[in-house]
Amino acid sequence: MATIELGGLELPEDAFAWKFTRASGPGGQNVNKVATAVECRLVLDRVGLDAAVRTRLEALAGSRLTAAGEILIVVDTHRTQARNRATALERLGGLLAQAAVKPKPRIPTKPSASQRARRRDDKKRRGEVKRQRKPPDDF
């Protein structure tokens, strides 16, 4: 079985579905005759990704993720079908590379004692300024 290497991952070729249509972009007279626009569909069920990677990939795909569990990339920026296909693979590879990287967990920090003391002092000082603006209570 043939594979395609994208984003550091080996993907089976049967996980991809390609469709070529007429593009609306540049192309001169060819734009009305030649199907240069590319729709690349990656069927996630056939890829065999780790569950965590697949979850991150689905989140990164956003609106490009279909209800059938496919990632749809549409490219019509170039004049040739080959360049549009290569661009679609680059975009998909970028998504896969991003999803393959496990995010570093955030470690919550606490303010230091001196920071808390400075905050309290600032609050007291600000409150004193506001108290000084009030008219005297003698009336």
N, C-alpha and C. Protein backbone atom coordinates (compact mmCIF):
# COMPACT_ATOMS: atom_id res chain seq x y z
N MET A 1 0.85 -1.18 0.00
CA MET A 1 0.00 0.00 0.00
C MET A 1 0.89 1.24 0.00
N ALA A 2 0.59 2.19 -0.88
CA ALA A 2 1.37 3.41 -1.00
C ALA A 2 1.02 4.37 0.14
N THR A 3 2.03 5.12 0.56
CA THR A 3 1.81 6.10 1.63
C THR A 3 2.32 7.46 1.18
N ILE A 4 1.81 8.49 1.83
CA ILE A 4 2.24 9.86 1.60
C ILE A 4 2.76 10.39 2.92
N GLU A 5 3.95 10.99 2.91
CA GLU A 5 4.55 11.53 4.14
C GLU A 5 4.15 13.00 4.24
N LEU A 6 3.41 13.34 5.29
CA LEU A 6 2.95 14.72 5.52
C LEU A 6 3.10 15.08 6.99
N GLY A 7 3.70 16.20 7.26
CA GLY A 7 3.78 16.69 8.63
C GLY A 7 4.46 15.72 9.58
N GLY A 8 5.40 14.95 9.07
CA GLY A 8 6.10 13.99 9.91
C GLY A 8 5.33 12.70 10.14
N LEU A 9 4.22 12.51 9.45
CA LEU A 9 3.41 11.30 9.61
C LEU A 9 3.29 10.58 8.27
N GLU A 10 3.22 9.26 8.31
CA GLU A 10 3.00 8.44 7.12
C GLU A 10 1.49 8.18 7.00
N LEU A 11 0.88 8.65 5.93
CA LEU A 11 -0.56 8.50 5.74
C LEU A 11 -0.82 7.59 4.54
N PRO A 12 -1.78 6.67 4.65
CA PRO A 12 -2.09 5.81 3.51
C PRO A 12 -2.73 6.63 2.39
N GLU A 13 -2.39 6.27 1.17
CA GLU A 13 -2.88 7.02 0.02
C GLU A 13 -4.40 6.91 -0.14
N ASP A 14 -4.98 5.80 0.34
CA ASP A 14 -6.44 5.64 0.19
C ASP A 14 -7.22 6.50 1.19
N ALA A 15 -6.52 7.22 2.09
CA ALA A 15 -7.19 8.14 3.01
C ALA A 15 -7.50 9.47 2.33
N PHE A 16 -6.93 9.68 1.13
CA PHE A 16 -7.14 10.93 0.41
C PHE A 16 -8.18 10.73 -0.69
N ALA A 17 -9.01 11.75 -0.88
CA ALA A 17 -9.95 11.78 -2.00
C ALA A 17 -9.74 13.11 -2.71
N TRP A 18 -9.48 13.06 -4.01
CA TRP A 18 -9.20 14.26 -4.79
C TRP A 18 -10.34 14.53 -5.75
N LYS A 19 -10.66 15.83 -5.90
CA LYS A 19 -11.67 16.24 -6.87
C LYS A 19 -11.15 17.50 -7.54
N PHE A 20 -11.26 17.57 -8.85
CA PHE A 20 -10.76 18.71 -9.61
C PHE A 20 -11.92 19.41 -10.30
N THR A 21 -11.98 20.73 -10.14
CA THR A 21 -13.07 21.51 -10.72
C THR A 21 -12.48 22.74 -11.41
N ARG A 22 -13.32 23.46 -12.10
CA ARG A 22 -12.87 24.70 -12.75
C ARG A 22 -12.67 25.77 -11.69
N ALA A 23 -11.57 26.48 -11.82
CA ALA A 23 -11.22 27.51 -10.84
C ALA A 23 -11.75 28.87 -11.29
N SER A 24 -11.89 29.76 -10.32
CA SER A 24 -12.35 31.11 -10.65
C SER A 24 -11.19 32.10 -10.70
N GLY A 25 -10.00 31.64 -10.36
CA GLY A 25 -8.84 32.52 -10.27
C GLY A 25 -8.15 32.73 -11.61
N PRO A 26 -6.83 32.97 -11.57
CA PRO A 26 -6.09 33.25 -12.79
C PRO A 26 -6.04 32.03 -13.71
N GLY A 27 -5.82 32.28 -14.99
CA GLY A 27 -5.73 31.18 -15.93
C GLY A 27 -6.00 31.58 -17.36
N GLY A 28 -6.40 32.82 -17.59
CA GLY A 28 -6.65 33.27 -18.96
C GLY A 28 -7.77 32.48 -19.60
N GLN A 29 -7.56 32.06 -20.85
CA GLN A 29 -8.59 31.31 -21.56
C GLN A 29 -8.78 29.92 -20.96
N ASN A 30 -7.74 29.38 -20.31
CA ASN A 30 -7.84 28.06 -19.72
C ASN A 30 -8.85 27.98 -18.59
N VAL A 31 -9.14 29.11 -17.96
CA VAL A 31 -10.00 29.10 -16.79
C VAL A 31 -11.38 28.52 -17.10
N ASN A 32 -11.82 28.66 -18.34
CA ASN A 32 -13.13 28.14 -18.72
C ASN A 32 -13.08 26.72 -19.28
N LYS A 33 -11.87 26.17 -19.45
CA LYS A 33 -11.74 24.87 -20.10
C LYS A 33 -11.13 23.79 -19.22
N VAL A 34 -10.21 24.17 -18.33
CA VAL A 34 -9.40 23.19 -17.60
C VAL A 34 -9.77 23.17 -16.13
N ALA A 35 -9.92 21.98 -15.58
CA ALA A 35 -10.25 21.82 -14.15
C ALA A 35 -8.96 21.89 -13.33
N THR A 36 -8.62 23.10 -12.86
CA THR A 36 -7.37 23.27 -12.11
C THR A 36 -7.58 23.39 -10.61
N ALA A 37 -8.77 23.74 -10.16
CA ALA A 37 -9.02 23.86 -8.72
C ALA A 37 -9.02 22.47 -8.09
N VAL A 38 -8.51 22.38 -6.87
CA VAL A 38 -8.34 21.09 -6.21
C VAL A 38 -9.14 21.07 -4.91
N GLU A 39 -9.88 19.99 -4.70
CA GLU A 39 -10.51 19.69 -3.41
C GLU A 39 -9.84 18.44 -2.87
N CYS A 40 -9.17 18.59 -1.74
CA CYS A 40 -8.49 17.45 -1.12
C CYS A 40 -9.26 17.09 0.15
N ARG A 41 -9.68 15.84 0.23
CA ARG A 41 -10.38 15.35 1.43
C ARG A 41 -9.51 14.31 2.09
N LEU A 42 -9.27 14.49 3.39
CA LEU A 42 -8.55 13.50 4.18
C LEU A 42 -9.56 12.82 5.10
N VAL A 43 -9.79 11.53 4.88
CA VAL A 43 -10.74 10.77 5.68
C VAL A 43 -10.03 10.34 6.96
N LEU A 44 -10.41 10.93 8.08
CA LEU A 44 -9.71 10.71 9.34
C LEU A 44 -9.84 9.27 9.85
N ASP A 45 -10.93 8.59 9.53
CA ASP A 45 -11.10 7.21 9.99
C ASP A 45 -10.10 6.25 9.34
N ARG A 46 -9.61 6.61 8.15
CA ARG A 46 -8.67 5.75 7.44
C ARG A 46 -7.21 6.05 7.78
N VAL A 47 -6.95 7.15 8.48
CA VAL A 47 -5.58 7.56 8.73
C VAL A 47 -4.95 6.77 9.87
N GLY A 48 -5.71 6.47 10.91
CA GLY A 48 -5.18 5.72 12.04
C GLY A 48 -4.31 6.56 12.96
N LEU A 49 -4.76 7.75 13.26
CA LEU A 49 -4.02 8.64 14.16
C LEU A 49 -4.28 8.29 15.61
N ASP A 50 -3.35 8.67 16.47
CA ASP A 50 -3.53 8.57 17.91
C ASP A 50 -4.73 9.42 18.31
N ALA A 51 -5.46 9.01 19.33
CA ALA A 51 -6.69 9.72 19.72
C ALA A 51 -6.42 11.18 20.09
N ALA A 52 -5.33 11.43 20.80
CA ALA A 52 -5.01 12.81 21.21
C ALA A 52 -4.66 13.67 19.99
N VAL A 53 -3.90 13.10 19.06
CA VAL A 53 -3.52 13.83 17.84
C VAL A 53 -4.76 14.12 17.01
N ARG A 54 -5.65 13.14 16.90
CA ARG A 54 -6.87 13.34 16.12
C ARG A 54 -7.74 14.43 16.73
N THR A 55 -7.84 14.46 18.05
CA THR A 55 -8.64 15.50 18.72
C THR A 55 -8.06 16.88 18.43
N ARG A 56 -6.72 17.00 18.54
CA ARG A 56 -6.08 18.29 18.25
C ARG A 56 -6.27 18.68 16.79
N LEU A 57 -6.18 17.69 15.89
CA LEU A 57 -6.34 17.96 14.46
C LEU A 57 -7.76 18.43 14.15
N GLU A 58 -8.75 17.81 14.77
CA GLU A 58 -10.14 18.23 14.55
C GLU A 58 -10.36 19.65 15.05
N ALA A 59 -9.75 19.99 16.18
CA ALA A 59 -9.89 21.35 16.71
C ALA A 59 -9.21 22.36 15.79
N LEU A 60 -8.02 22.01 15.28
CA LEU A 60 -7.29 22.92 14.39
C LEU A 60 -8.00 23.08 13.05
N ALA A 61 -8.66 22.02 12.57
CA ALA A 61 -9.32 22.08 11.27
C ALA A 61 -10.48 23.06 11.26
N GLY A 62 -11.17 23.19 12.38
CA GLY A 62 -12.27 24.14 12.48
C GLY A 62 -13.35 23.89 11.45
N SER A 63 -13.64 24.90 10.63
CA SER A 63 -14.73 24.79 9.65
C SER A 63 -14.36 23.90 8.48
N ARG A 64 -13.09 23.51 8.35
CA ARG A 64 -12.69 22.60 7.27
C ARG A 64 -13.04 21.15 7.58
N LEU A 65 -13.47 20.88 8.81
CA LEU A 65 -13.88 19.53 9.19
C LEU A 65 -15.34 19.32 8.81
N THR A 66 -15.62 18.27 8.06
CA THR A 66 -16.99 18.00 7.63
C THR A 66 -17.69 17.11 8.66
N ALA A 67 -18.99 16.99 8.52
CA ALA A 67 -19.77 16.15 9.43
C ALA A 67 -19.42 14.68 9.26
N ALA A 68 -18.88 14.31 8.10
CA ALA A 68 -18.51 12.92 7.83
C ALA A 68 -17.13 12.58 8.40
N GLY A 69 -16.50 13.51 9.08
CA GLY A 69 -15.19 13.25 9.66
C GLY A 69 -14.06 13.36 8.65
N GLU A 70 -14.18 14.27 7.71
CA GLU A 70 -13.15 14.51 6.70
C GLU A 70 -12.66 15.94 6.82
N ILE A 71 -11.38 16.14 6.51
CA ILE A 71 -10.84 17.49 6.45
C ILE A 71 -10.82 17.87 4.97
N LEU A 72 -11.45 19.00 4.65
CA LEU A 72 -11.58 19.45 3.27
C LEU A 72 -10.70 20.68 3.06
N ILE A 73 -9.76 20.56 2.11
CA ILE A 73 -8.88 21.67 1.74
C ILE A 73 -9.18 22.00 0.28
N VAL A 74 -9.53 23.26 0.00
CA VAL A 74 -9.83 23.70 -1.37
C VAL A 74 -8.78 24.73 -1.77
N VAL A 75 -8.14 24.50 -2.93
CA VAL A 75 -7.11 25.42 -3.43
C VAL A 75 -7.39 25.72 -4.89
N ASP A 76 -7.44 27.03 -5.22
CA ASP A 76 -7.58 27.43 -6.63
C ASP A 76 -6.73 28.66 -6.92
N THR A 77 -5.61 28.79 -6.21
CA THR A 77 -4.79 29.99 -6.33
C THR A 77 -3.82 29.94 -7.51
N HIS A 78 -3.46 28.76 -7.98
CA HIS A 78 -2.47 28.64 -9.06
C HIS A 78 -3.14 28.28 -10.37
N ARG A 79 -2.37 28.41 -11.45
CA ARG A 79 -2.92 28.14 -12.78
C ARG A 79 -2.90 26.67 -13.15
N THR A 80 -2.11 25.87 -12.44
CA THR A 80 -2.00 24.46 -12.81
C THR A 80 -2.55 23.57 -11.71
N GLN A 81 -3.05 22.43 -12.13
CA GLN A 81 -3.60 21.45 -11.19
C GLN A 81 -2.51 20.92 -10.27
N ALA A 82 -1.31 20.72 -10.81
CA ALA A 82 -0.21 20.16 -10.01
C ALA A 82 0.19 21.11 -8.88
N ARG A 83 0.29 22.41 -9.18
CA ARG A 83 0.67 23.36 -8.13
C ARG A 83 -0.43 23.50 -7.08
N ASN A 84 -1.69 23.48 -7.50
CA ASN A 84 -2.79 23.54 -6.54
C ASN A 84 -2.80 22.29 -5.65
N ARG A 85 -2.51 21.13 -6.24
CA ARG A 85 -2.46 19.90 -5.47
C ARG A 85 -1.31 19.94 -4.45
N ALA A 86 -0.16 20.45 -4.88
CA ALA A 86 0.99 20.57 -3.98
C ALA A 86 0.69 21.55 -2.84
N THR A 87 0.00 22.64 -3.15
CA THR A 87 -0.36 23.62 -2.12
C THR A 87 -1.34 23.01 -1.12
N ALA A 88 -2.29 22.21 -1.61
CA ALA A 88 -3.25 21.55 -0.71
C ALA A 88 -2.52 20.60 0.23
N LEU A 89 -1.54 19.85 -0.29
CA LEU A 89 -0.77 18.94 0.55
C LEU A 89 0.07 19.70 1.57
N GLU A 90 0.62 20.85 1.17
CA GLU A 90 1.39 21.68 2.12
C GLU A 90 0.51 22.15 3.27
N ARG A 91 -0.68 22.64 2.94
CA ARG A 91 -1.60 23.13 3.97
C ARG A 91 -2.00 22.01 4.92
N LEU A 92 -2.31 20.85 4.35
CA LEU A 92 -2.69 19.70 5.17
C LEU A 92 -1.51 19.24 6.03
N GLY A 93 -0.32 19.27 5.45
CA GLY A 93 0.89 18.90 6.21
C GLY A 93 1.14 19.84 7.37
N GLY A 94 0.88 21.13 7.17
CA GLY A 94 1.02 22.10 8.26
C GLY A 94 0.07 21.81 9.40
N LEU A 95 -1.19 21.48 9.05
CA LEU A 95 -2.18 21.13 10.08
C LEU A 95 -1.74 19.88 10.85
N LEU A 96 -1.29 18.87 10.11
CA LEU A 96 -0.87 17.62 10.75
C LEU A 96 0.35 17.84 11.65
N ALA A 97 1.30 18.66 11.20
CA ALA A 97 2.49 18.93 12.01
C ALA A 97 2.12 19.65 13.30
N GLN A 98 1.19 20.60 13.20
CA GLN A 98 0.73 21.31 14.40
C GLN A 98 0.03 20.37 15.37
N ALA A 99 -0.79 19.49 14.83
CA ALA A 99 -1.56 18.57 15.67
C ALA A 99 -0.65 17.53 16.32
N ALA A 100 0.46 17.19 15.68
CA ALA A 100 1.35 16.16 16.20
C ALA A 100 2.13 16.64 17.43
N VAL A 101 2.26 17.96 17.59
CA VAL A 101 3.00 18.51 18.72
C VAL A 101 2.08 18.61 19.93
N LYS A 102 2.49 17.94 21.00
CA LYS A 102 1.70 17.97 22.22
C LYS A 102 1.93 19.32 22.91
N PRO A 103 0.87 20.05 23.24
CA PRO A 103 1.06 21.35 23.88
C PRO A 103 1.61 21.21 25.29
N LYS A 104 2.48 22.16 25.66
CA LYS A 104 3.07 22.15 26.98
C LYS A 104 1.99 22.56 27.99
N PRO A 105 1.80 21.80 29.06
CA PRO A 105 0.75 22.16 30.02
C PRO A 105 1.09 23.46 30.76
N ARG A 106 0.10 24.27 30.99
CA ARG A 106 0.30 25.52 31.71
C ARG A 106 0.35 25.22 33.20
N ILE A 107 1.37 25.76 33.86
CA ILE A 107 1.50 25.59 35.30
C ILE A 107 1.06 26.89 35.95
N PRO A 108 -0.05 26.88 36.67
CA PRO A 108 -0.52 28.13 37.28
C PRO A 108 0.47 28.62 38.34
N THR A 109 0.68 29.90 38.37
CA THR A 109 1.60 30.48 39.35
C THR A 109 0.82 31.35 40.32
N LYS A 110 1.44 31.61 41.46
CA LYS A 110 0.81 32.47 42.46
C LYS A 110 1.67 33.71 42.62
N PRO A 111 1.05 34.85 42.93
CA PRO A 111 1.85 36.05 43.16
C PRO A 111 2.68 35.90 44.43
N SER A 112 3.87 36.51 44.40
CA SER A 112 4.76 36.41 45.56
C SER A 112 4.21 37.25 46.72
N ALA A 113 4.77 37.04 47.90
CA ALA A 113 4.32 37.78 49.09
C ALA A 113 4.53 39.28 48.90
N SER A 114 5.66 39.66 48.31
CA SER A 114 5.92 41.09 48.10
C SER A 114 4.93 41.69 47.11
N GLN A 115 4.53 40.93 46.10
CA GLN A 115 3.54 41.43 45.15
C GLN A 115 2.18 41.63 45.82
N ARG A 116 1.81 40.69 46.68
CA ARG A 116 0.54 40.83 47.40
C ARG A 116 0.58 42.03 48.33
N ALA A 117 1.71 42.23 49.03
CA ALA A 117 1.85 43.38 49.94
C ALA A 117 1.78 44.69 49.16
N ARG A 118 2.46 44.73 48.00
CA ARG A 118 2.45 45.95 47.19
C ARG A 118 1.04 46.24 46.70
N ARG A 119 0.28 45.22 46.32
CA ARG A 119 -1.10 45.41 45.87
C ARG A 119 -1.95 45.97 47.00
N ARG A 120 -1.81 45.41 48.21
CA ARG A 120 -2.58 45.93 49.35
C ARG A 120 -2.21 47.38 49.65
N ASP A 121 -0.92 47.71 49.61
CA ASP A 121 -0.49 49.09 49.86
C ASP A 121 -1.07 50.04 48.81
N ASP A 122 -1.04 49.63 47.56
CA ASP A 122 -1.60 50.46 46.49
C ASP A 122 -3.10 50.68 46.69
N LYS A 123 -3.81 49.62 47.11
CA LYS A 123 -5.24 49.75 47.36
C LYS A 123 -5.51 50.72 48.51
N LYS A 124 -4.70 50.63 49.57
CA LYS A 124 -4.88 51.54 50.70
C LYS A 124 -4.61 52.98 50.29
N ARG A 125 -3.54 53.17 49.52
CA ARG A 125 -3.18 54.51 49.07
C ARG A 125 -4.29 55.08 48.19
N ARG A 126 -4.82 54.28 47.29
CA ARG A 126 -5.87 54.73 46.39
C ARG A 126 -7.15 55.06 47.18
N GLY A 127 -7.47 54.22 48.15
CA GLY A 127 -8.63 54.49 48.99
C GLY A 127 -8.48 55.78 49.79
N GLU A 128 -7.26 56.05 50.26
CA GLU A 128 -7.00 57.29 51.02
C GLU A 128 -7.19 58.51 50.12
N VAL A 129 -6.72 58.42 48.86
CA VAL A 129 -6.89 59.53 47.92
C VAL A 129 -8.38 59.80 47.72
N LYS A 130 -9.16 58.75 47.55
CA LYS A 130 -10.60 58.93 47.34
C LYS A 130 -11.27 59.48 48.59
N ARG A 131 -10.82 59.05 49.78
CA ARG A 131 -11.41 59.53 51.02
C ARG A 131 -11.12 61.03 51.20
N GLN A 132 -9.96 61.48 50.74
CA GLN A 132 -9.60 62.88 50.87
C GLN A 132 -10.46 63.78 49.97
N ARG A 133 -11.05 63.24 48.95
CA ARG A 133 -11.90 64.02 48.03
C ARG A 133 -13.25 64.33 48.65
N LYS A 134 -13.68 63.55 49.60
CA LYS A 134 -15.01 63.74 50.20
C LYS A 134 -15.07 65.04 50.97
N PRO A 135 -16.25 65.63 51.02
CA PRO A 135 -16.40 66.82 51.86
C PRO A 135 -16.36 66.41 53.34
N PRO A 136 -16.00 67.30 54.22
CA PRO A 136 -15.96 66.95 55.65
C PRO A 136 -17.36 66.55 56.17
N ASP A 137 -17.38 65.80 57.25
CA ASP A 137 -18.64 65.31 57.82
C ASP A 137 -19.28 66.33 58.76
N ASP A 138 -18.76 67.53 58.88
CA ASP A 138 -19.23 68.55 59.84
C ASP A 138 -20.63 69.06 59.50
N PHE A 139 -21.08 68.97 58.33
CA PHE A 139 -22.34 69.59 57.92
C PHE A 139 -23.54 68.90 58.44
